[in-house]
C-alpha cells in the first residue's frame, strides 16, 4: 500500500494538469528504507511528448547524487497519461528500474467516467505489474517547540 499526503497528491495532479497535453513526470524522494514519500521533485519530460515520458540523463544523475547526499531514495516515481487510463504501458514497465518504488500514474483523460483524473499506484518488479491501494492522509502535524515563552 502507498501512504501519501494529500499535499503530495495535489502537487502530482497539478503537475500533470500543468504539463498537459504532454506527459508529466517526477519523483518523490524519502528517507532511505522508510517507504515514506516526502520530497516532491518534479522533472521536465525530456521527450516533450503526449504519449511518452523520459527523464533527462543529466537531470536524473543530479537527482540521484542529491538523494545520495541526503540519504534518500526514490519512494514514488510518477508520470501522467494524457489520453489513456492510469495503467502502466509496456514502455512504462520496461523503464521501471526501481524495484522498491511505487509507480504512480495520473490520467488527465476521463477514461472511466469517474472524474477529470485518475490517481493509481503500482509495484512493478521483474516486468510484473501489481496495483496497490493508495491511502491519502493529511500532512503530519509538526509539534510546537517547547522553548517558546
N, C-alpha and C. Protein backbone atom coordinates (compact mmCIF):
# COMPACT_ATOMS: atom_id res chain seq x y z
N UNK A 1 0.84 -1.18 0.00
CA UNK A 1 0.00 0.00 0.00
C UNK A 1 0.89 1.25 0.00
N UNK A 2 0.45 2.24 -0.79
CA UNK A 2 1.14 3.53 -0.79
C UNK A 2 0.38 4.46 0.15
N UNK A 3 1.08 4.98 1.15
CA UNK A 3 0.53 6.01 2.03
C UNK A 3 1.20 7.31 1.64
N UNK A 4 0.38 8.30 1.28
CA UNK A 4 0.89 9.56 0.74
C UNK A 4 0.02 10.71 1.25
N UNK A 5 0.63 11.87 1.44
CA UNK A 5 -0.14 13.01 1.95
C UNK A 5 -0.98 13.65 0.84
N UNK A 6 -2.04 14.26 1.26
CA UNK A 6 -2.93 14.98 0.33
C UNK A 6 -2.14 16.04 -0.44
N UNK A 7 -1.23 16.73 0.25
CA UNK A 7 -0.42 17.76 -0.40
C UNK A 7 0.38 17.19 -1.57
N UNK A 8 1.01 16.03 -1.37
CA UNK A 8 1.80 15.43 -2.45
C UNK A 8 0.91 14.98 -3.61
N UNK A 9 -0.25 14.42 -3.30
CA UNK A 9 -1.20 14.03 -4.35
C UNK A 9 -1.60 15.27 -5.15
N UNK A 10 -1.95 16.34 -4.45
CA UNK A 10 -2.35 17.59 -5.12
C UNK A 10 -1.23 18.13 -6.01
N UNK A 11 0.00 18.02 -5.54
CA UNK A 11 1.14 18.53 -6.32
C UNK A 11 1.39 17.68 -7.57
N UNK A 12 1.25 16.37 -7.45
CA UNK A 12 1.41 15.49 -8.62
C UNK A 12 0.32 15.80 -9.65
N UNK A 13 -0.93 15.89 -9.19
CA UNK A 13 -2.04 16.18 -10.10
C UNK A 13 -1.87 17.55 -10.75
N UNK A 14 -1.45 18.55 -9.98
CA UNK A 14 -1.24 19.89 -10.53
C UNK A 14 -0.15 19.86 -11.60
N UNK A 15 0.92 19.10 -11.37
CA UNK A 15 1.98 18.98 -12.35
C UNK A 15 1.45 18.32 -13.63
N UNK A 16 0.66 17.27 -13.48
CA UNK A 16 0.08 16.58 -14.65
C UNK A 16 -0.81 17.53 -15.44
N UNK A 17 -1.62 18.30 -14.75
CA UNK A 17 -2.50 19.26 -15.44
C UNK A 17 -1.70 20.36 -16.12
N UNK A 18 -0.65 20.85 -15.45
CA UNK A 18 0.16 21.94 -16.00
C UNK A 18 0.86 21.51 -17.29
N UNK A 19 1.39 20.29 -17.32
CA UNK A 19 2.14 19.83 -18.49
C UNK A 19 1.25 19.29 -19.60
N UNK A 20 -0.03 19.03 -19.31
CA UNK A 20 -0.95 18.53 -20.33
C UNK A 20 -0.95 19.48 -21.52
N UNK A 21 -0.88 19.06 -22.76
CA UNK A 21 -1.12 17.70 -23.24
C UNK A 21 0.09 16.78 -23.24
N UNK A 22 1.28 17.27 -22.83
CA UNK A 22 2.43 16.37 -22.71
C UNK A 22 2.37 15.62 -21.38
N UNK A 23 3.01 14.47 -21.34
CA UNK A 23 3.08 13.72 -20.09
C UNK A 23 4.00 14.45 -19.11
N UNK A 24 3.61 14.45 -17.85
CA UNK A 24 4.43 14.99 -16.77
C UNK A 24 5.14 13.83 -16.09
N UNK A 25 6.28 14.12 -15.43
CA UNK A 25 6.98 13.06 -14.72
C UNK A 25 7.78 13.64 -13.56
N UNK A 26 8.07 12.80 -12.60
CA UNK A 26 8.85 13.24 -11.46
C UNK A 26 9.05 12.13 -10.45
N UNK A 27 9.62 12.51 -9.34
CA UNK A 27 9.97 11.58 -8.27
C UNK A 27 9.56 12.21 -6.94
N UNK A 28 9.18 11.37 -6.00
CA UNK A 28 9.04 11.81 -4.62
C UNK A 28 10.05 11.00 -3.82
N UNK A 29 11.01 11.71 -3.28
CA UNK A 29 12.08 11.07 -2.51
C UNK A 29 11.66 10.95 -1.05
N UNK A 30 12.28 10.02 -0.38
CA UNK A 30 12.05 9.84 1.04
C UNK A 30 13.27 9.23 1.69
N UNK A 31 13.32 9.25 3.02
CA UNK A 31 14.46 8.68 3.72
C UNK A 31 14.70 7.22 3.29
N UNK A 32 15.94 6.88 3.03
CA UNK A 32 16.29 5.53 2.59
C UNK A 32 15.72 4.48 3.54
N UNK A 33 15.05 3.50 2.98
CA UNK A 33 14.50 2.39 3.75
C UNK A 33 13.21 2.69 4.49
N UNK A 34 12.66 3.89 4.33
CA UNK A 34 11.48 4.28 5.12
C UNK A 34 10.15 4.02 4.42
N UNK A 35 10.13 3.96 3.08
CA UNK A 35 8.91 3.87 2.28
C UNK A 35 7.98 5.06 2.55
N UNK A 36 8.57 6.22 2.93
CA UNK A 36 7.80 7.44 3.21
C UNK A 36 8.07 8.49 2.14
N UNK A 37 7.11 8.75 1.26
CA UNK A 37 7.31 9.81 0.27
C UNK A 37 7.23 11.17 0.95
N UNK A 38 8.30 11.98 0.78
CA UNK A 38 8.33 13.27 1.47
C UNK A 38 8.69 14.45 0.58
N UNK A 39 9.72 14.30 -0.25
CA UNK A 39 10.23 15.45 -1.01
C UNK A 39 9.83 15.35 -2.47
N UNK A 40 8.97 16.30 -2.89
CA UNK A 40 8.43 16.36 -4.25
C UNK A 40 9.48 16.92 -5.20
N UNK A 41 9.80 16.16 -6.25
CA UNK A 41 10.81 16.59 -7.22
C UNK A 41 10.22 16.45 -8.63
N UNK A 42 9.54 17.50 -9.12
CA UNK A 42 9.03 17.44 -10.49
C UNK A 42 10.20 17.50 -11.47
N UNK A 43 10.12 16.74 -12.52
CA UNK A 43 11.19 16.69 -13.51
C UNK A 43 10.62 17.10 -14.87
N UNK A 44 11.43 17.72 -15.70
CA UNK A 44 10.95 18.01 -17.06
C UNK A 44 10.89 16.71 -17.87
N UNK A 45 9.89 16.61 -18.72
CA UNK A 45 9.79 15.48 -19.63
C UNK A 45 10.70 15.78 -20.82
N UNK A 46 11.86 15.14 -20.87
CA UNK A 46 12.82 15.41 -21.94
C UNK A 46 12.26 15.06 -23.31
N UNK A 47 11.28 14.15 -23.36
CA UNK A 47 10.67 13.76 -24.64
C UNK A 47 9.64 14.79 -25.11
N UNK A 48 9.14 15.61 -24.19
CA UNK A 48 8.10 16.59 -24.51
C UNK A 48 7.04 15.98 -25.42
N UNK A 49 6.43 14.89 -24.93
CA UNK A 49 5.52 14.10 -25.75
C UNK A 49 4.21 13.83 -25.02
N UNK A 50 3.09 13.78 -25.74
CA UNK A 50 1.82 13.41 -25.11
C UNK A 50 1.66 11.90 -24.91
N UNK A 51 2.61 11.10 -25.43
CA UNK A 51 2.47 9.65 -25.34
C UNK A 51 3.66 8.95 -24.69
N UNK A 52 4.65 9.72 -24.24
CA UNK A 52 5.87 9.11 -23.72
C UNK A 52 6.54 10.09 -22.77
N UNK A 53 7.18 9.56 -21.73
CA UNK A 53 7.99 10.44 -20.87
C UNK A 53 9.40 9.89 -20.80
N UNK A 54 10.31 10.81 -20.55
CA UNK A 54 11.71 10.43 -20.43
C UNK A 54 12.40 11.43 -19.52
N UNK A 55 13.14 10.91 -18.54
CA UNK A 55 13.95 11.76 -17.69
C UNK A 55 15.24 12.10 -18.45
N UNK A 56 15.65 13.35 -18.42
CA UNK A 56 16.93 13.74 -18.98
C UNK A 56 18.02 13.08 -18.15
N UNK A 57 18.99 12.47 -18.81
CA UNK A 57 20.02 11.71 -18.08
C UNK A 57 20.82 12.60 -17.13
N UNK A 58 21.10 13.85 -17.52
CA UNK A 58 21.82 14.76 -16.63
C UNK A 58 21.00 15.13 -15.41
N UNK A 59 19.71 15.42 -15.62
CA UNK A 59 18.81 15.73 -14.51
C UNK A 59 18.72 14.55 -13.55
N UNK A 60 18.62 13.36 -14.12
CA UNK A 60 18.49 12.15 -13.30
C UNK A 60 19.76 11.91 -12.50
N UNK A 61 20.92 12.12 -13.10
CA UNK A 61 22.18 11.96 -12.38
C UNK A 61 22.26 12.94 -11.22
N UNK A 62 21.89 14.21 -11.47
CA UNK A 62 21.90 15.21 -10.38
C UNK A 62 20.93 14.81 -9.27
N UNK A 63 19.75 14.32 -9.64
CA UNK A 63 18.77 13.91 -8.64
C UNK A 63 19.32 12.77 -7.78
N UNK A 64 19.90 11.76 -8.40
CA UNK A 64 20.41 10.62 -7.63
C UNK A 64 21.59 11.03 -6.74
N UNK A 65 22.42 11.93 -7.20
CA UNK A 65 23.51 12.43 -6.35
C UNK A 65 22.95 13.20 -5.16
N UNK A 66 21.93 14.03 -5.42
CA UNK A 66 21.29 14.79 -4.36
C UNK A 66 20.63 13.86 -3.34
N UNK A 67 19.91 12.84 -3.83
CA UNK A 67 19.28 11.88 -2.92
C UNK A 67 20.33 11.15 -2.10
N UNK A 68 21.44 10.79 -2.75
CA UNK A 68 22.51 10.10 -2.04
C UNK A 68 23.07 10.98 -0.92
N UNK A 69 23.29 12.27 -1.22
CA UNK A 69 23.79 13.21 -0.21
C UNK A 69 22.82 13.36 0.96
N UNK A 70 21.53 13.21 0.70
CA UNK A 70 20.51 13.38 1.74
C UNK A 70 20.10 12.06 2.38
N UNK A 71 20.74 10.97 1.99
CA UNK A 71 20.37 9.62 2.44
C UNK A 71 18.90 9.33 2.12
N UNK A 72 18.54 9.61 0.87
CA UNK A 72 17.17 9.38 0.37
C UNK A 72 17.20 8.38 -0.77
N UNK A 73 16.00 7.94 -1.11
CA UNK A 73 15.81 7.09 -2.27
C UNK A 73 14.50 7.47 -2.94
N UNK A 74 14.30 7.06 -4.21
CA UNK A 74 13.03 7.35 -4.86
C UNK A 74 11.93 6.44 -4.30
N UNK A 75 11.00 7.02 -3.56
CA UNK A 75 9.91 6.24 -2.98
C UNK A 75 8.77 6.14 -4.00
N UNK A 76 8.52 7.23 -4.72
CA UNK A 76 7.49 7.26 -5.76
C UNK A 76 8.13 7.77 -7.05
N UNK A 77 7.85 7.08 -8.14
CA UNK A 77 8.17 7.56 -9.48
C UNK A 77 6.82 7.76 -10.14
N UNK A 78 6.56 8.98 -10.60
CA UNK A 78 5.24 9.25 -11.16
C UNK A 78 5.32 9.81 -12.57
N UNK A 79 4.25 9.58 -13.31
CA UNK A 79 4.07 10.24 -14.60
C UNK A 79 2.59 10.23 -14.94
N UNK A 80 2.26 10.99 -15.97
CA UNK A 80 0.85 11.08 -16.35
C UNK A 80 0.62 10.45 -17.71
N UNK A 81 -0.62 10.04 -17.90
CA UNK A 81 -1.11 9.63 -19.22
C UNK A 81 -2.15 10.66 -19.60
N UNK A 82 -2.07 11.15 -20.82
CA UNK A 82 -2.95 12.25 -21.23
C UNK A 82 -4.17 11.81 -22.02
N UNK A 83 -4.14 10.59 -22.55
CA UNK A 83 -5.27 10.14 -23.37
C UNK A 83 -5.73 8.73 -23.02
N UNK A 84 -5.06 8.09 -22.09
CA UNK A 84 -5.42 6.72 -21.72
C UNK A 84 -5.56 6.61 -20.20
N UNK A 85 -6.03 5.45 -19.77
CA UNK A 85 -6.22 5.26 -18.33
C UNK A 85 -4.89 5.23 -17.59
N UNK A 86 -4.97 5.33 -16.29
CA UNK A 86 -3.79 5.32 -15.43
C UNK A 86 -3.37 3.87 -15.18
N UNK A 87 -2.79 3.26 -16.21
CA UNK A 87 -2.30 1.89 -16.13
C UNK A 87 -0.98 1.83 -16.89
N UNK A 88 0.03 1.15 -16.35
CA UNK A 88 1.35 1.13 -17.00
C UNK A 88 1.32 0.52 -18.40
N UNK A 89 1.96 1.20 -19.33
CA UNK A 89 2.11 0.68 -20.69
C UNK A 89 3.30 -0.27 -20.71
N UNK A 90 3.49 -0.96 -21.82
CA UNK A 90 4.66 -1.83 -21.96
C UNK A 90 5.95 -1.02 -21.82
N UNK A 91 5.94 0.20 -22.36
CA UNK A 91 7.12 1.06 -22.23
C UNK A 91 7.36 1.42 -20.77
N UNK A 92 6.28 1.76 -20.04
CA UNK A 92 6.40 2.08 -18.62
C UNK A 92 7.04 0.92 -17.86
N UNK A 93 6.59 -0.30 -18.17
CA UNK A 93 7.12 -1.48 -17.48
C UNK A 93 8.60 -1.65 -17.81
N UNK A 94 8.97 -1.43 -19.06
CA UNK A 94 10.38 -1.61 -19.45
C UNK A 94 11.29 -0.56 -18.80
N UNK A 95 10.73 0.62 -18.46
CA UNK A 95 11.52 1.68 -17.83
C UNK A 95 11.55 1.58 -16.30
N UNK A 96 10.74 0.71 -15.73
CA UNK A 96 10.63 0.59 -14.27
C UNK A 96 11.88 -0.07 -13.70
N UNK A 97 12.83 0.74 -13.24
CA UNK A 97 14.11 0.21 -12.79
C UNK A 97 14.31 0.25 -11.28
N UNK A 98 13.31 0.74 -10.56
CA UNK A 98 13.41 0.83 -9.09
C UNK A 98 12.46 -0.20 -8.47
N UNK A 99 12.96 -1.38 -8.11
CA UNK A 99 12.07 -2.45 -7.64
C UNK A 99 11.30 -2.13 -6.36
N UNK A 100 11.78 -1.18 -5.55
CA UNK A 100 11.08 -0.85 -4.30
C UNK A 100 10.18 0.37 -4.41
N UNK A 101 10.17 1.01 -5.57
CA UNK A 101 9.39 2.24 -5.73
C UNK A 101 7.92 1.94 -5.99
N UNK A 102 7.11 2.91 -5.64
CA UNK A 102 5.70 2.91 -6.01
C UNK A 102 5.63 3.69 -7.33
N UNK A 103 5.03 3.09 -8.34
CA UNK A 103 4.89 3.76 -9.63
C UNK A 103 3.48 4.34 -9.71
N UNK A 104 3.41 5.65 -9.61
CA UNK A 104 2.12 6.34 -9.61
C UNK A 104 1.84 6.84 -11.02
N UNK A 105 0.61 6.58 -11.45
CA UNK A 105 0.15 7.07 -12.74
C UNK A 105 -1.07 7.95 -12.52
N UNK A 106 -1.06 9.11 -13.16
CA UNK A 106 -2.19 10.01 -13.13
C UNK A 106 -2.69 10.13 -14.56
N UNK A 107 -3.96 9.87 -14.78
CA UNK A 107 -4.52 10.09 -16.11
C UNK A 107 -5.30 11.39 -16.08
N UNK A 108 -4.99 12.27 -17.02
CA UNK A 108 -5.72 13.53 -17.15
C UNK A 108 -6.86 13.39 -18.15
N UNK A 109 -7.10 12.17 -18.63
CA UNK A 109 -8.24 11.89 -19.51
C UNK A 109 -9.31 11.19 -18.69
N UNK A 110 -10.56 11.58 -18.83
CA UNK A 110 -11.66 10.93 -18.11
C UNK A 110 -12.03 9.66 -18.85
N UNK A 111 -11.25 8.59 -18.62
CA UNK A 111 -11.47 7.34 -19.34
C UNK A 111 -12.49 6.42 -18.67
N UNK A 112 -12.85 6.71 -17.43
CA UNK A 112 -13.76 5.82 -16.72
C UNK A 112 -15.06 6.49 -16.32
N UNK A 113 -15.24 7.76 -16.66
CA UNK A 113 -16.47 8.46 -16.31
C UNK A 113 -16.55 8.84 -14.84
N UNK A 114 -15.45 8.67 -14.09
CA UNK A 114 -15.47 8.93 -12.65
C UNK A 114 -14.90 10.29 -12.28
N UNK A 115 -14.50 11.07 -13.27
CA UNK A 115 -13.97 12.39 -12.95
C UNK A 115 -12.86 12.78 -13.89
N UNK A 116 -12.29 13.94 -13.61
CA UNK A 116 -11.33 14.50 -14.55
C UNK A 116 -9.92 13.93 -14.45
N UNK A 117 -9.64 13.08 -13.47
CA UNK A 117 -8.34 12.42 -13.42
C UNK A 117 -8.46 11.13 -12.61
N UNK A 118 -7.53 10.23 -12.86
CA UNK A 118 -7.37 9.00 -12.07
C UNK A 118 -6.00 9.08 -11.40
N UNK A 119 -5.89 8.54 -10.20
CA UNK A 119 -4.63 8.50 -9.46
C UNK A 119 -4.49 7.08 -8.96
N UNK A 120 -3.53 6.33 -9.53
CA UNK A 120 -3.36 4.92 -9.17
C UNK A 120 -1.89 4.62 -8.95
N UNK A 121 -1.63 3.61 -8.13
CA UNK A 121 -0.25 3.24 -7.81
C UNK A 121 -0.03 1.75 -8.07
N UNK A 122 1.19 1.44 -8.49
CA UNK A 122 1.56 0.07 -8.84
C UNK A 122 2.95 -0.24 -8.30
N UNK A 123 3.19 -1.52 -8.11
CA UNK A 123 4.54 -2.04 -7.92
C UNK A 123 4.85 -2.74 -9.23
N UNK A 124 6.05 -2.51 -9.73
CA UNK A 124 6.47 -3.16 -10.97
C UNK A 124 7.82 -3.82 -10.69
N UNK A 125 7.81 -5.14 -10.65
CA UNK A 125 9.01 -5.90 -10.35
C UNK A 125 9.14 -7.04 -11.35
N UNK A 126 10.31 -7.13 -11.95
CA UNK A 126 10.58 -8.17 -12.95
C UNK A 126 9.51 -8.23 -14.03
N UNK A 127 9.04 -7.06 -14.45
CA UNK A 127 8.05 -6.98 -15.52
C UNK A 127 6.63 -7.27 -15.10
N UNK A 128 6.42 -7.57 -13.82
CA UNK A 128 5.08 -7.89 -13.33
C UNK A 128 4.46 -6.66 -12.67
N UNK A 129 3.23 -6.35 -13.06
CA UNK A 129 2.51 -5.17 -12.56
C UNK A 129 1.52 -5.61 -11.48
N UNK A 130 1.58 -4.96 -10.33
CA UNK A 130 0.63 -5.23 -9.25
C UNK A 130 0.07 -3.90 -8.77
N UNK A 131 -1.24 -3.71 -8.95
CA UNK A 131 -1.85 -2.48 -8.45
C UNK A 131 -1.94 -2.57 -6.94
N UNK A 132 -1.77 -1.42 -6.29
CA UNK A 132 -1.84 -1.38 -4.83
C UNK A 132 -2.80 -0.29 -4.38
N UNK A 133 -3.28 -0.45 -3.17
CA UNK A 133 -4.17 0.55 -2.58
C UNK A 133 -3.39 1.84 -2.32
N UNK A 134 -4.07 2.97 -2.49
CA UNK A 134 -3.49 4.27 -2.17
C UNK A 134 -4.26 4.83 -0.97
N UNK A 135 -3.52 5.14 0.09
CA UNK A 135 -4.10 5.73 1.29
C UNK A 135 -3.62 7.17 1.37
N UNK A 136 -4.57 8.10 1.25
CA UNK A 136 -4.23 9.52 1.28
C UNK A 136 -4.50 10.04 2.69
N UNK A 137 -3.48 10.66 3.28
CA UNK A 137 -3.56 11.15 4.65
C UNK A 137 -3.29 12.65 4.69
N UNK A 138 -3.74 13.29 5.75
CA UNK A 138 -3.40 14.70 5.95
C UNK A 138 -1.93 14.80 6.29
N UNK A 139 -1.34 15.95 6.03
CA UNK A 139 0.06 16.16 6.36
C UNK A 139 0.26 15.98 7.85
N UNK A 140 1.35 15.33 8.24
CA UNK A 140 1.61 15.16 9.67
C UNK A 140 1.82 16.52 10.34
N UNK A 141 1.32 16.62 11.55
CA UNK A 141 1.50 17.87 12.30
C UNK A 141 2.91 17.93 12.86
N UNK A 142 3.45 19.12 12.88
CA UNK A 142 4.78 19.32 13.46
C UNK A 142 4.57 19.84 14.88
N UNK A 143 5.12 19.15 15.87
CA UNK A 143 4.92 19.59 17.26
C UNK A 143 5.55 20.97 17.51
N UNK A 144 4.90 21.73 18.38
CA UNK A 144 5.42 23.05 18.74
C UNK A 144 6.71 22.89 19.52
N UNK A 145 7.59 23.84 19.39
CA UNK A 145 8.85 23.78 20.13
C UNK A 145 8.62 24.26 21.58
N UNK A 146 9.22 23.57 22.54
CA UNK A 146 8.99 23.92 23.93
C UNK A 146 9.70 25.18 24.39
N UNK A 147 10.58 25.76 23.58
CA UNK A 147 11.35 26.92 24.04
C UNK A 147 10.60 28.25 23.88
N UNK A 148 9.36 28.22 23.42
CA UNK A 148 8.59 29.47 23.28
C UNK A 148 8.18 29.96 24.68
N UNK A 149 8.23 31.28 24.94
CA UNK A 149 7.91 31.79 26.29
C UNK A 149 6.44 31.67 26.62
